[in-house]
Amino acid sequence: MAKAEPELFSDGKLYSQVRDPRFLGRKVLEEFVKAGAPEDILTLAHPHIGTFRLVSMVEHIRSEIEAAGGEYRFQSRVDGLLLEPGTRHVQGVRLANGEVVESGHVIMR
C-alpha cells in the first residue's frame, strides 16, 4: 500500500489531514516563511496566513521556480508521458497541440 503524502489545504488557514512521518508539511511551512509568511506559522497549532498573503506568497514561489528554469503551461492538455525506453524514467510530455516538452521532472495537476 502506498504511503499517503501530506496534503495542505488553505483558505488562509493551514492544516494537514494526514500524519507526516517525513515532515513534508513542515517543509511547505518553511517555504511559506521564506516566501513572506510570518514565522509564527512554524509554531502555532492552527497557523493562519490569510488569503491575500497566500496569493502573494504563491506568486513569489512561482517566480523562484521560473528563475530556476521551471516553466508553467496553463490551459495545456498532456496527451502522453514520454519515458526512457524500457524504464519508468520520465523524459517529458507530449501536449495535445503536438508539442513535445522535454524534461526529467514533470508536475501535473
Protein backbone atom coordinates (compact mmCIF):
# COMPACT_ATOMS: atom_id res chain seq x y z
CA MET A 1 0.00 0.00 0.00
CA ALA A 2 1.40 3.41 -0.97
CA LYS A 3 2.11 5.89 1.80
CA ALA A 4 -0.15 8.92 1.89
CA GLU A 5 1.60 12.17 1.09
CA PRO A 6 0.61 15.18 3.19
CA GLU A 7 -1.95 17.43 1.57
CA LEU A 8 -2.12 21.05 2.64
CA PHE A 9 -5.36 22.89 2.08
CA SER A 10 -5.75 26.59 2.60
CA ASP A 11 -8.13 29.48 2.53
CA GLY A 12 -5.51 31.19 4.64
CA LYS A 13 -5.77 28.56 7.39
CA LEU A 14 -3.10 25.89 7.07
CA TYR A 15 -3.67 22.30 8.12
CA SER A 16 -2.82 18.78 7.11
CA GLN A 17 -5.16 15.79 7.14
CA VAL A 18 -2.54 13.03 7.35
CA ARG A 19 0.30 12.06 9.64
CA ASP A 20 3.54 13.21 8.11
CA PRO A 21 6.50 10.99 9.14
CA ARG A 22 8.79 12.68 6.58
CA PHE A 23 7.83 16.18 7.79
CA LEU A 24 6.95 17.36 4.28
CA GLY A 25 4.18 19.55 5.70
CA ARG A 26 6.85 21.27 7.80
CA LYS A 27 8.92 21.81 4.64
CA VAL A 28 5.93 23.53 3.00
CA LEU A 29 5.52 25.82 6.01
CA GLU A 30 9.25 26.67 5.93
CA GLU A 31 8.98 27.53 2.22
CA PHE A 32 5.97 29.73 3.02
CA VAL A 33 8.03 31.61 5.61
CA LYS A 34 10.78 32.14 3.00
CA ALA A 35 8.08 33.50 0.68
CA GLY A 36 6.79 36.02 3.21
CA ALA A 37 4.58 34.23 5.74
CA PRO A 38 5.03 35.16 9.40
CA GLU A 39 7.46 32.87 11.25
CA ASP A 40 4.87 32.04 13.90
CA ILE A 41 3.19 29.62 11.46
CA LEU A 42 6.04 27.25 12.35
CA THR A 43 4.98 27.07 16.00
CA LEU A 44 1.22 27.69 16.09
CA ALA A 45 -1.12 24.72 16.48
CA HIS A 46 -3.53 26.23 13.92
CA PRO A 47 -1.50 28.60 11.75
CA HIS A 48 -3.24 31.17 9.58
CA ILE A 49 -1.69 33.43 6.96
CA GLY A 50 -4.73 34.91 5.24
CA THR A 51 -5.87 34.54 1.67
CA PHE A 52 -4.32 37.78 0.39
CA ARG A 53 -0.91 36.99 1.84
CA LEU A 54 -1.16 33.45 0.46
CA VAL A 55 -1.68 34.80 -3.08
CA SER A 56 1.46 36.97 -2.92
CA MET A 57 3.45 34.07 -1.45
CA VAL A 58 2.40 31.71 -4.24
CA GLU A 59 3.37 34.36 -6.80
CA HIS A 60 6.79 34.66 -5.11
CA ILE A 61 7.30 30.88 -5.12
CA ARG A 62 6.25 30.72 -8.78
CA SER A 63 8.77 33.40 -9.76
CA GLU A 64 11.51 31.48 -7.91
CA ILE A 65 10.63 28.30 -9.82
CA GLU A 66 10.71 30.19 -13.11
CA ALA A 67 14.05 31.85 -12.21
CA ALA A 68 15.47 28.36 -11.63
CA GLY A 69 14.37 27.31 -15.14
CA GLY A 70 10.94 25.89 -14.30
CA GLU A 71 8.07 26.51 -16.68
CA TYR A 72 4.28 26.66 -16.35
CA ARG A 73 1.93 25.60 -19.13
CA PHE A 74 -1.61 26.72 -18.37
CA GLN A 75 -4.54 25.54 -20.50
CA SER A 76 -2.39 22.71 -21.87
CA ARG A 77 -3.53 19.12 -22.02
CA VAL A 78 -0.97 16.35 -21.73
CA ASP A 79 -1.71 13.54 -24.17
CA GLY A 80 1.34 11.42 -23.46
CA LEU A 81 4.11 10.89 -20.97
CA LEU A 82 7.49 10.31 -22.62
CA LEU A 83 9.50 7.61 -20.88
CA GLU A 84 13.02 6.36 -21.42
CA PRO A 85 12.64 3.07 -23.33
CA GLY A 86 12.43 0.07 -21.03
CA THR A 87 12.31 2.20 -17.88
CA ARG A 88 9.96 4.36 -15.86
CA HIS A 89 12.21 7.42 -16.14
CA VAL A 90 10.32 10.42 -17.45
CA GLN A 91 11.83 12.32 -20.37
CA GLY A 92 8.99 14.75 -20.99
CA VAL A 93 5.41 15.08 -22.14
CA ARG A 94 3.51 15.35 -25.42
CA LEU A 95 0.87 18.07 -25.41
CA ALA A 96 -2.49 17.93 -27.21
CA ASN A 97 -1.23 20.52 -29.72
CA GLY A 98 1.58 18.10 -30.71
CA GLU A 99 4.32 20.00 -28.91
CA VAL A 100 6.87 17.90 -27.02
CA VAL A 101 8.22 19.32 -23.76
CA GLU A 102 11.40 17.54 -22.74
CA SER A 103 12.18 17.36 -19.03
CA GLY A 104 13.33 14.88 -16.43
CA HIS A 105 10.82 16.39 -13.99
CA VAL A 106 7.12 16.86 -14.67
CA ILE A 107 4.43 18.05 -12.26
CA MET A 108 0.81 17.89 -13.42
CA ARG A 109 -2.36 18.99 -11.74
